[in-house]
Every structure is written in structure tokens, then in C-alpha cells.
C-alpha atoms as a PDB file:
ATOM      1  CA  MET A   1     118.000 117.496  75.860  1.00  0.00           C
ATOM      2  CA  ASP A   2     118.242 121.178  76.752  1.00  0.00           C
ATOM      3  CA  GLN A   3     114.530 121.553  77.429  1.00  0.00           C
ATOM      4  CA  PRO A   4     113.316 120.787  80.952  1.00  0.00           C
ATOM      5  CA  VAL A   5     110.980 117.831  81.265  1.00  0.00           C
ATOM      6  CA  GLU A   6     107.437 118.913  82.072  1.00  0.00           C
ATOM      7  CA  LEU A   7     104.358 117.049  83.190  1.00  0.00           C
ATOM      8  CA  SER A   8     101.493 116.645  80.776  1.00  0.00           C
ATOM      9  CA  LEU A   9      98.174 118.294  81.621  1.00  0.00           C
ATOM     10  CA  GLU A  10      96.795 114.900  82.646  1.00  0.00           C
ATOM     11  CA  GLN A  11      99.794 114.322  84.941  1.00  0.00           C
ATOM     12  CA  GLN A  12      99.382 117.775  86.486  1.00  0.00           C
ATOM     13  CA  PHE A  13      95.730 117.001  87.214  1.00  0.00           C
ATOM     14  CA  SER A  14      96.683 113.649  88.720  1.00  0.00           C
ATOM     15  CA  LEU A  15      99.310 115.327  90.899  1.00  0.00           C
ATOM     16  CA  ARG A  16      96.799 117.880  92.168  1.00  0.00           C
ATOM     17  CA  SER A  17      94.317 115.115  92.960  1.00  0.00           C
ATOM     18  CA  PHE A  18      97.041 113.213  94.809  1.00  0.00           C
ATOM     19  CA  GLU A  19      97.979 116.355  96.733  1.00  0.00           C
ATOM     20  CA  THR A  20      94.376 116.749  97.887  1.00  0.00           C
ATOM     21  CA  GLN A  21      94.243 113.121  99.049  1.00  0.00           C
ATOM     22  CA  VAL A  22      97.486 113.497 101.020  1.00  0.00           C
ATOM     23  CA  GLU A  23      96.287 116.708 102.671  1.00  0.00           C
ATOM     24  CA  ARG A  24      93.280 114.802 104.027  1.00  0.00           C
ATOM     25  CA  MET A  25      95.404 112.017 105.558  1.00  0.00           C
ATOM     26  CA  SER A  26      96.316 111.851 109.212  1.00  0.00           C
ATOM     27  CA  HIS A  27      99.996 112.043 110.114  1.00  0.00           C
ATOM     28  CA  GLU A  28     100.105 108.266 110.713  1.00  0.00           C
ATOM     29  CA  GLN A  29      98.351 107.518 107.413  1.00  0.00           C
ATOM     30  CA  ALA A  30     100.774 109.763 105.542  1.00  0.00           C
ATOM     31  CA  GLN A  31     103.794 108.064 107.135  1.00  0.00           C
ATOM     32  CA  SER A  32     102.480 104.604 106.276  1.00  0.00           C
ATOM     33  CA  PHE A  33     101.664 105.728 102.749  1.00  0.00           C
ATOM     34  CA  LEU A  34     105.154 107.161 102.234  1.00  0.00           C
ATOM     35  CA  ILE A  35     106.771 103.912 103.336  1.00  0.00           C
ATOM     36  CA  LYS A  36     104.646 101.920 100.867  1.00  0.00           C
ATOM     37  CA  LEU A  37     105.314 104.456  98.119  1.00  0.00           C
ATOM     38  CA  TYR A  38     109.068 104.252  98.693  1.00  0.00           C
ATOM     39  CA  GLU A  39     108.915 100.452  98.578  1.00  0.00           C
ATOM     40  CA  GLN A  40     107.066 100.601  95.249  1.00  0.00           C
ATOM     41  CA  MET A  41     109.646 103.050  93.867  1.00  0.00           C
ATOM     42  CA  MET A  42     112.462 100.684  94.811  1.00  0.00           C
ATOM     43  CA  LEU A  43     110.643  97.727  93.234  1.00  0.00           C
ATOM     44  CA  ARG A  44     110.093  99.706  90.032  1.00  0.00           C
ATOM     45  CA  GLU A  45     113.782 100.643  89.924  1.00  0.00           C
ATOM     46  CA  THR A  46     114.735  96.993  90.387  1.00  0.00           C
ATOM     47  CA  MET A  47     112.385  95.963  87.575  1.00  0.00           C
ATOM     48  CA  TYR A  48     113.811  98.644  85.246  1.00  0.00           C
ATOM     49  CA  LYS A  49     117.336  97.445  85.959  1.00  0.00           C
ATOM     50  CA  HIS A  50     116.308  93.847  85.292  1.00  0.00           C
ATOM     51  CA  PHE A  51     114.564  94.769  82.024  1.00  0.00           C
ATOM     52  CA  LEU A  52     117.525  96.836  80.831  1.00  0.00           C
ATOM     53  CA  LYS A  53     119.998  94.052  81.664  1.00  0.00           C
ATOM     54  CA  HIS A  54     117.791  91.623  79.751  1.00  0.00           C
ATOM     55  CA  GLU A  55     117.418  93.943  76.750  1.00  0.00           C
ATOM     56  CA  TRP A  56     121.121  94.731  76.645  1.00  0.00           C
ATOM     57  CA  GLY A  57     122.124  91.085  77.113  1.00  0.00           C
ATOM     58  CA  LEU A  58     123.946  91.721  80.375  1.00  0.00           C
ATOM     59  CA  GLU A  59     122.244  89.034  82.485  1.00  0.00           C
ATOM     60  CA  SER A  60     124.228  86.039  83.644  1.00  0.00           C
ATOM     61  CA  GLY A  61     123.801  83.233  81.168  1.00  0.00           C
ATOM     62  CA  SER A  62     123.462  85.730  78.331  1.00  0.00           C
ATOM     63  CA  ARG A  63     125.226  85.321  75.005  1.00  0.00           C
ATOM     64  CA  PHE A  64     128.116  87.497  76.243  1.00  0.00           C
ATOM     65  CA  ASP A  65     129.152  85.230  79.174  1.00  0.00           C
END
């Protein structure tokens, strides 16, 4: 994995669109949005951890307990 990870063209377009939306927000709207975004990132991380534990059989009550 020596090559840097790059965004696809579609992702780059989406990022630019997002950037434009954020630039049009008020300071208060941007702060509120960032808090919600951070919450969603934490929830996604928690879900990934749960899915990986399930896939790898590391959950309590799994066959390895």
C-alpha cells in the first residue's frame, strides 16, 4: 500500500459541492453542523467496530468464549 489513497472524481465533486454549502452557512449553522457530523462519525466508528467484532467472532457469547 505504497500509493496514496485518492478520492474518485465523483467524491471530488461531492466534496466541492459540500464546500460550497458550508461556505454559505452562518457561523452558528456551521458549528451545529460540525457537532452533528462528529456525532455521526463516532456512530459510524462504533458500528464498524461492532461489525468487525461480529465478523471476527470476538463478541461476547461467540464461539471463542
